[in-house]
Amino acid sequence: MDKLYVADTPDAVKDAKGIHVLTANSGNGQAAQIFLEELAEAYGFTWTTTLVDIFTNEQKKECTL
């Protein structure tokens, strides 16, 4: 699994449990998180959420993968 990441990959990404959701704190992002909470309650589903600040263009930073 170490081949999925490069040296600059943040620990929050490397250590994510289950599905790793990258989302903004918006209506659609919150809807996805609510859906995942319902899956967790019903099926024991696991996920990790990382919020992306779209106002600082964080989502447009160059990816080193």
PDB file of N, CA and C in Angstrom:
ATOM      1  N   MET A   1       0.815  -1.186   0.000  1.00  0.00           N
ATOM      2  CA  MET A   1       0.000   0.000   0.000  1.00  0.00           C
ATOM      3  C   MET A   1       0.865   1.259   0.000  1.00  0.00           C
ATOM      4  N   ASP A   2       2.109   1.154   0.357  1.00  0.00           N
ATOM      5  CA  ASP A   2       2.976   2.319   0.389  1.00  0.00           C
ATOM      6  C   ASP A   2       3.208   2.903  -1.008  1.00  0.00           C
ATOM      7  N   LYS A   3       2.910   2.161  -2.066  1.00  0.00           N
ATOM      8  CA  LYS A   3       3.107   2.649  -3.430  1.00  0.00           C
ATOM      9  C   LYS A   3       2.014   3.629  -3.848  1.00  0.00           C
ATOM     10  N   LEU A   4       0.967   3.780  -3.046  1.00  0.00           N
ATOM     11  CA  LEU A   4      -0.107   4.702  -3.370  1.00  0.00           C
ATOM     12  C   LEU A   4       0.252   6.148  -3.060  1.00  0.00           C
ATOM     13  N   TYR A   5       1.271   6.359  -2.262  1.00  0.00           N
ATOM     14  CA  TYR A   5       1.590   7.695  -1.785  1.00  0.00           C
ATOM     15  C   TYR A   5       3.022   8.076  -2.104  1.00  0.00           C
ATOM     16  N   VAL A   6       3.257   9.384  -2.202  1.00  0.00           N
ATOM     17  CA  VAL A   6       4.605   9.913  -2.378  1.00  0.00           C
ATOM     18  C   VAL A   6       5.060  10.482  -1.038  1.00  0.00           C
ATOM     19  N   ALA A   7       6.296  10.891  -0.960  1.00  0.00           N
ATOM     20  CA  ALA A   7       6.845  11.394   0.302  1.00  0.00           C
ATOM     21  C   ALA A   7       6.083  12.616   0.827  1.00  0.00           C
ATOM     22  N   ASP A   8       5.549  13.437  -0.073  1.00  0.00           N
ATOM     23  CA  ASP A   8       4.848  14.657   0.334  1.00  0.00           C
ATOM     24  C   ASP A   8       3.371  14.440   0.689  1.00  0.00           C
ATOM     25  N   THR A   9       2.893  13.222   0.587  1.00  0.00           N
ATOM     26  CA  THR A   9       1.492  12.963   0.906  1.00  0.00           C
ATOM     27  C   THR A   9       1.251  13.235   2.382  1.00  0.00           C
ATOM     28  N   PRO A  10       0.258  14.069   2.708  1.00  0.00           N
ATOM     29  CA  PRO A  10      -0.013  14.379   4.120  1.00  0.00           C
ATOM     30  C   PRO A  10      -0.400  13.135   4.917  1.00  0.00           C
ATOM     31  N   ASP A  11      -0.019  13.108   6.185  1.00  0.00           N
ATOM     32  CA  ASP A  11      -0.358  11.977   7.048  1.00  0.00           C
ATOM     33  C   ASP A  11      -1.860  11.780   7.157  1.00  0.00           C
ATOM     34  N   ALA A  12      -2.637  12.867   7.105  1.00  0.00           N
ATOM     35  CA  ALA A  12      -4.097  12.747   7.187  1.00  0.00           C
ATOM     36  C   ALA A  12      -4.640  11.903   6.041  1.00  0.00           C
ATOM     37  N   VAL A  13      -3.992  11.964   4.903  1.00  0.00           N
ATOM     38  CA  VAL A  13      -4.415  11.159   3.755  1.00  0.00           C
ATOM     39  C   VAL A  13      -3.914   9.721   3.909  1.00  0.00           C
ATOM     40  N   LYS A  14      -2.659   9.564   4.276  1.00  0.00           N
ATOM     41  CA  LYS A  14      -2.087   8.224   4.435  1.00  0.00           C
ATOM     42  C   LYS A  14      -2.800   7.412   5.503  1.00  0.00           C
ATOM     43  N   ASP A  15      -3.232   8.079   6.581  1.00  0.00           N
ATOM     44  CA  ASP A  15      -3.810   7.388   7.725  1.00  0.00           C
ATOM     45  C   ASP A  15      -5.343   7.322   7.689  1.00  0.00           C
ATOM     46  N   ALA A  16      -5.952   7.742   6.587  1.00  0.00           N
ATOM     47  CA  ALA A  16      -7.413   7.750   6.485  1.00  0.00           C
ATOM     48  C   ALA A  16      -7.958   6.329   6.614  1.00  0.00           C
ATOM     49  N   LYS A  17      -9.072   6.212   7.300  1.00  0.00           N
ATOM     50  CA  LYS A  17      -9.733   4.914   7.491  1.00  0.00           C
ATOM     51  C   LYS A  17     -10.915   4.821   6.539  1.00  0.00           C
ATOM     52  N   GLY A  18     -11.059   3.688   5.875  1.00  0.00           N
ATOM     53  CA  GLY A  18     -12.163   3.507   4.941  1.00  0.00           C
ATOM     54  C   GLY A  18     -12.025   4.449   3.762  1.00  0.00           C
ATOM     55  N   ILE A  19     -13.152   4.979   3.317  1.00  0.00           N
ATOM     56  CA  ILE A  19     -13.147   5.947   2.224  1.00  0.00           C
ATOM     57  C   ILE A  19     -12.650   7.283   2.750  1.00  0.00           C
ATOM     58  N   HIS A  20     -11.832   7.969   1.972  1.00  0.00           N
ATOM     59  CA  HIS A  20     -11.351   9.293   2.366  1.00  0.00           C
ATOM     60  C   HIS A  20     -12.099  10.319   1.529  1.00  0.00           C
ATOM     61  N   VAL A  21     -12.929  11.118   2.187  1.00  0.00           N
ATOM     62  CA  VAL A  21     -13.759  12.112   1.518  1.00  0.00           C
ATOM     63  C   VAL A  21     -13.101  13.482   1.647  1.00  0.00           C
ATOM     64  N   LEU A  22     -12.802  14.093   0.510  1.00  0.00           N
ATOM     65  CA  LEU A  22     -12.296  15.459   0.477  1.00  0.00           C
ATOM     66  C   LEU A  22     -13.470  16.336   0.067  1.00  0.00           C
ATOM     67  N   THR A  23     -13.880  17.248   0.925  1.00  0.00           N
ATOM     68  CA  THR A  23     -15.084  18.024   0.668  1.00  0.00           C
ATOM     69  C   THR A  23     -14.972  19.432   1.213  1.00  0.00           C
ATOM     70  N   ALA A  24     -15.788  20.305   0.673  1.00  0.00           N
ATOM     71  CA  ALA A  24     -15.920  21.656   1.211  1.00  0.00           C
ATOM     72  C   ALA A  24     -17.076  21.647   2.202  1.00  0.00           C
ATOM     73  N   ASN A  25     -17.073  22.600   3.101  1.00  0.00           N
ATOM     74  CA  ASN A  25     -18.156  22.690   4.078  1.00  0.00           C
ATOM     75  C   ASN A  25     -19.325  23.440   3.431  1.00  0.00           C
ATOM     76  N   SER A  26     -19.931  22.782   2.447  1.00  0.00           N
ATOM     77  CA  SER A  26     -21.041  23.364   1.689  1.00  0.00           C
ATOM     78  C   SER A  26     -22.258  22.462   1.854  1.00  0.00           C
ATOM     79  N   GLY A  27     -23.351  22.872   1.282  1.00  0.00           N
ATOM     80  CA  GLY A  27     -24.561  22.054   1.361  1.00  0.00           C
ATOM     81  C   GLY A  27     -24.360  20.657   0.796  1.00  0.00           C
ATOM     82  N   ASN A  28     -23.742  20.576  -0.381  1.00  0.00           N
ATOM     83  CA  ASN A  28     -23.502  19.267  -0.992  1.00  0.00           C
ATOM     84  C   ASN A  28     -22.500  18.444  -0.189  1.00  0.00           C
ATOM     85  N   GLY A  29     -21.470  19.102   0.336  1.00  0.00           N
ATOM     86  CA  GLY A  29     -20.492  18.392   1.162  1.00  0.00           C
ATOM     87  C   GLY A  29     -21.117  17.854   2.436  1.00  0.00           C
ATOM     88  N   GLN A  30     -21.989  18.630   3.036  1.00  0.00           N
ATOM     89  CA  GLN A  30     -22.677  18.192   4.250  1.00  0.00           C
ATOM     90  C   GLN A  30     -23.647  17.057   3.947  1.00  0.00           C
ATOM     91  N   ALA A  31     -24.307  17.101   2.790  1.00  0.00           N
ATOM     92  CA  ALA A  31     -25.227  16.030   2.412  1.00  0.00           C
ATOM     93  C   ALA A  31     -24.480  14.705   2.279  1.00  0.00           C
ATOM     94  N   ALA A  32     -23.291  14.752   1.681  1.00  0.00           N
ATOM     95  CA  ALA A  32     -22.493  13.530   1.546  1.00  0.00           C
ATOM     96  C   ALA A  32     -22.085  12.999   2.914  1.00  0.00           C
ATOM     97  N   GLN A  33     -21.718  13.888   3.827  1.00  0.00           N
ATOM     98  CA  GLN A  33     -21.322  13.457   5.163  1.00  0.00           C
ATOM     99  C   GLN A  33     -22.505  12.854   5.932  1.00  0.00           C
ATOM    100  N   ILE A  34     -23.684  13.430   5.769  1.00  0.00           N
ATOM    101  CA  ILE A  34     -24.879  12.886   6.420  1.00  0.00           C
ATOM    102  C   ILE A  34     -25.167  11.488   5.888  1.00  0.00           C
ATOM    103  N   PHE A  35     -25.039  11.311   4.571  1.00  0.00           N
ATOM    104  CA  PHE A  35     -25.238  10.000   3.969  1.00  0.00           C
ATOM    105  C   PHE A  35     -24.255   8.982   4.540  1.00  0.00           C
ATOM    106  N   LEU A  36     -22.991   9.373   4.678  1.00  0.00           N
ATOM    107  CA  LEU A  36     -21.989   8.466   5.240  1.00  0.00           C
ATOM    108  C   LEU A  36     -22.285   8.140   6.701  1.00  0.00           C
ATOM    109  N   GLU A  37     -22.797   9.109   7.456  1.00  0.00           N
ATOM    110  CA  GLU A  37     -23.189   8.839   8.845  1.00  0.00           C
ATOM    111  C   GLU A  37     -24.309   7.813   8.906  1.00  0.00           C
ATOM    112  N   GLU A  38     -25.251   7.899   7.981  1.00  0.00           N
ATOM    113  CA  GLU A  38     -26.341   6.927   7.937  1.00  0.00           C
ATOM    114  C   GLU A  38     -25.828   5.541   7.572  1.00  0.00           C
ATOM    115  N   LEU A  39     -24.879   5.466   6.640  1.00  0.00           N
ATOM    116  CA  LEU A  39     -24.269   4.177   6.305  1.00  0.00           C
ATOM    117  C   LEU A  39     -23.534   3.590   7.504  1.00  0.00           C
ATOM    118  N   ALA A  40     -22.831   4.445   8.236  1.00  0.00           N
ATOM    119  CA  ALA A  40     -22.093   3.982   9.413  1.00  0.00           C
ATOM    120  C   ALA A  40     -23.049   3.406  10.446  1.00  0.00           C
ATOM    121  N   GLU A  41     -24.161   4.082  10.659  1.00  0.00           N
ATOM    122  CA  GLU A  41     -25.129   3.608  11.652  1.00  0.00           C
ATOM    123  C   GLU A  41     -25.767   2.290  11.226  1.00  0.00           C
ATOM    124  N   ALA A  42     -26.093   2.173   9.949  1.00  0.00           N
ATOM    125  CA  ALA A  42     -26.777   0.975   9.462  1.00  0.00           C
ATOM    126  C   ALA A  42     -25.845  -0.214   9.238  1.00  0.00           C
ATOM    127  N   TYR A  43     -24.608   0.062   8.747  1.00  0.00           N
ATOM    128  CA  TYR A  43     -23.738  -1.024   8.313  1.00  0.00           C
ATOM    129  C   TYR A  43     -22.348  -1.025   8.932  1.00  0.00           C
ATOM    130  N   GLY A  44     -22.055  -0.086   9.808  1.00  0.00           N
ATOM    131  CA  GLY A  44     -20.727  -0.020  10.393  1.00  0.00           C
ATOM    132  C   GLY A  44     -19.674   0.491   9.417  1.00  0.00           C
ATOM    133  N   PHE A  45     -20.105   1.241   8.435  1.00  0.00           N
ATOM    134  CA  PHE A  45     -19.249   1.813   7.398  1.00  0.00           C
ATOM    135  C   PHE A  45     -18.238   2.778   8.017  1.00  0.00           C
ATOM    136  N   THR A  46     -17.012   2.818   7.488  1.00  0.00           N
ATOM    137  CA  THR A  46     -15.964   3.685   8.014  1.00  0.00           C
ATOM    138  C   THR A  46     -15.496   4.665   6.940  1.00  0.00           C
ATOM    139  N   TRP A  47     -15.277   5.919   7.344  1.00  0.00           N
ATOM    140  CA  TRP A  47     -14.761   6.931   6.432  1.00  0.00           C
ATOM    141  C   TRP A  47     -14.020   7.996   7.210  1.00  0.00           C
ATOM    142  N   THR A  48     -13.225   8.763   6.485  1.00  0.00           N
ATOM    143  CA  THR A  48     -12.495   9.897   7.041  1.00  0.00           C
ATOM    144  C   THR A  48     -12.824  11.110   6.177  1.00  0.00           C
ATOM    145  N   THR A  49     -13.062  12.241   6.806  1.00  0.00           N
ATOM    146  CA  THR A  49     -13.378  13.468   6.077  1.00  0.00           C
ATOM    147  C   THR A  49     -12.260  14.485   6.248  1.00  0.00           C
ATOM    148  N   THR A  50     -11.850  15.088   5.152  1.00  0.00           N
ATOM    149  CA  THR A  50     -10.924  16.204   5.178  1.00  0.00           C
ATOM    150  C   THR A  50     -11.608  17.369   4.490  1.00  0.00           C
ATOM    151  N   LEU A  51     -11.729  18.481   5.200  1.00  0.00           N
ATOM    152  CA  LEU A  51     -12.352  19.664   4.625  1.00  0.00           C
ATOM    153  C   LEU A  51     -11.342  20.430   3.789  1.00  0.00           C
ATOM    154  N   VAL A  52     -11.765  20.875   2.616  1.00  0.00           N
ATOM    155  CA  VAL A  52     -10.945  21.651   1.696  1.00  0.00           C
ATOM    156  C   VAL A  52     -11.491  23.072   1.674  1.00  0.00           C
ATOM    157  N   ASP A  53     -10.622  24.043   1.868  1.00  0.00           N
ATOM    158  CA  ASP A  53     -11.034  25.447   1.874  1.00  0.00           C
ATOM    159  C   ASP A  53     -11.000  25.977   0.441  1.00  0.00           C
ATOM    160  N   ILE A  54     -12.163  26.043  -0.206  1.00  0.00           N
ATOM    161  CA  ILE A  54     -12.216  26.467  -1.599  1.00  0.00           C
ATOM    162  C   ILE A  54     -11.975  27.964  -1.760  1.00  0.00           C
ATOM    163  N   PHE A  55     -12.082  28.728  -0.678  1.00  0.00           N
ATOM    164  CA  PHE A  55     -11.883  30.169  -0.767  1.00  0.00           C
ATOM    165  C   PHE A  55     -10.401  30.551  -0.865  1.00  0.00           C
ATOM    166  N   THR A  56      -9.517  29.624  -0.526  1.00  0.00           N
ATOM    167  CA  THR A  56      -8.080  29.878  -0.667  1.00  0.00           C
ATOM    168  C   THR A  56      -7.496  29.117  -1.854  1.00  0.00           C
ATOM    169  N   ASN A  57      -8.386  28.546  -2.687  1.00  0.00           N
ATOM    170  CA  ASN A  57      -7.985  27.755  -3.861  1.00  0.00           C
ATOM    171  C   ASN A  57      -7.123  26.552  -3.494  1.00  0.00           C
ATOM    172  N   GLU A  58      -7.311  26.023  -2.302  1.00  0.00           N
ATOM    173  CA  GLU A  58      -6.565  24.847  -1.857  1.00  0.00           C
ATOM    174  C   GLU A  58      -6.734  23.675  -2.827  1.00  0.00           C
ATOM    175  N   GLN A  59      -7.922  23.561  -3.420  1.00  0.00           N
ATOM    176  CA  GLN A  59      -8.202  22.452  -4.334  1.00  0.00           C
ATOM    177  C   GLN A  59      -7.425  22.569  -5.642  1.00  0.00           C
ATOM    178  N   LYS A  60      -6.838  23.740  -5.899  1.00  0.00           N
ATOM    179  CA  LYS A  60      -6.106  23.944  -7.158  1.00  0.00           C
ATOM    180  C   LYS A  60      -4.599  23.859  -6.989  1.00  0.00           C
ATOM    181  N   LYS A  61      -4.137  23.517  -5.780  1.00  0.00           N
ATOM    182  CA  LYS A  61      -2.700  23.367  -5.580  1.00  0.00           C
ATOM    183  C   LYS A  61      -2.200  22.196  -6.420  1.00  0.00           C
ATOM    184  N   GLU A  62      -0.975  22.291  -6.862  1.00  0.00           N
ATOM    185  CA  GLU A  62      -0.398  21.242  -7.694  1.00  0.00           C
ATOM    186  C   GLU A  62      -0.292  19.935  -6.915  1.00  0.00           C
ATOM    187  N   CYS A  63      -0.712  18.881  -7.531  1.00  0.00           N
ATOM    188  CA  CYS A  63      -0.646  17.545  -6.928  1.00  0.00           C
ATOM    189  C   CYS A  63       0.692  16.928  -7.279  1.00  0.00           C
ATOM    190  N   THR A  64       1.330  16.299  -6.297  1.00  0.00           N
ATOM    191  CA  THR A  64       2.640  15.702  -6.539  1.00  0.00           C
ATOM    192  C   THR A  64       2.564  14.208  -6.784  1.00  0.00           C
ATOM    193  N   LEU A  65       1.376  13.686  -7.013  1.00  0.00           N
ATOM    194  CA  LEU A  65       1.244  12.236  -7.243  1.00  0.00           C
ATOM    195  C   LEU A  65       1.678  11.837  -8.619  1.00  0.00           C
TER     196      LEU A  65
END
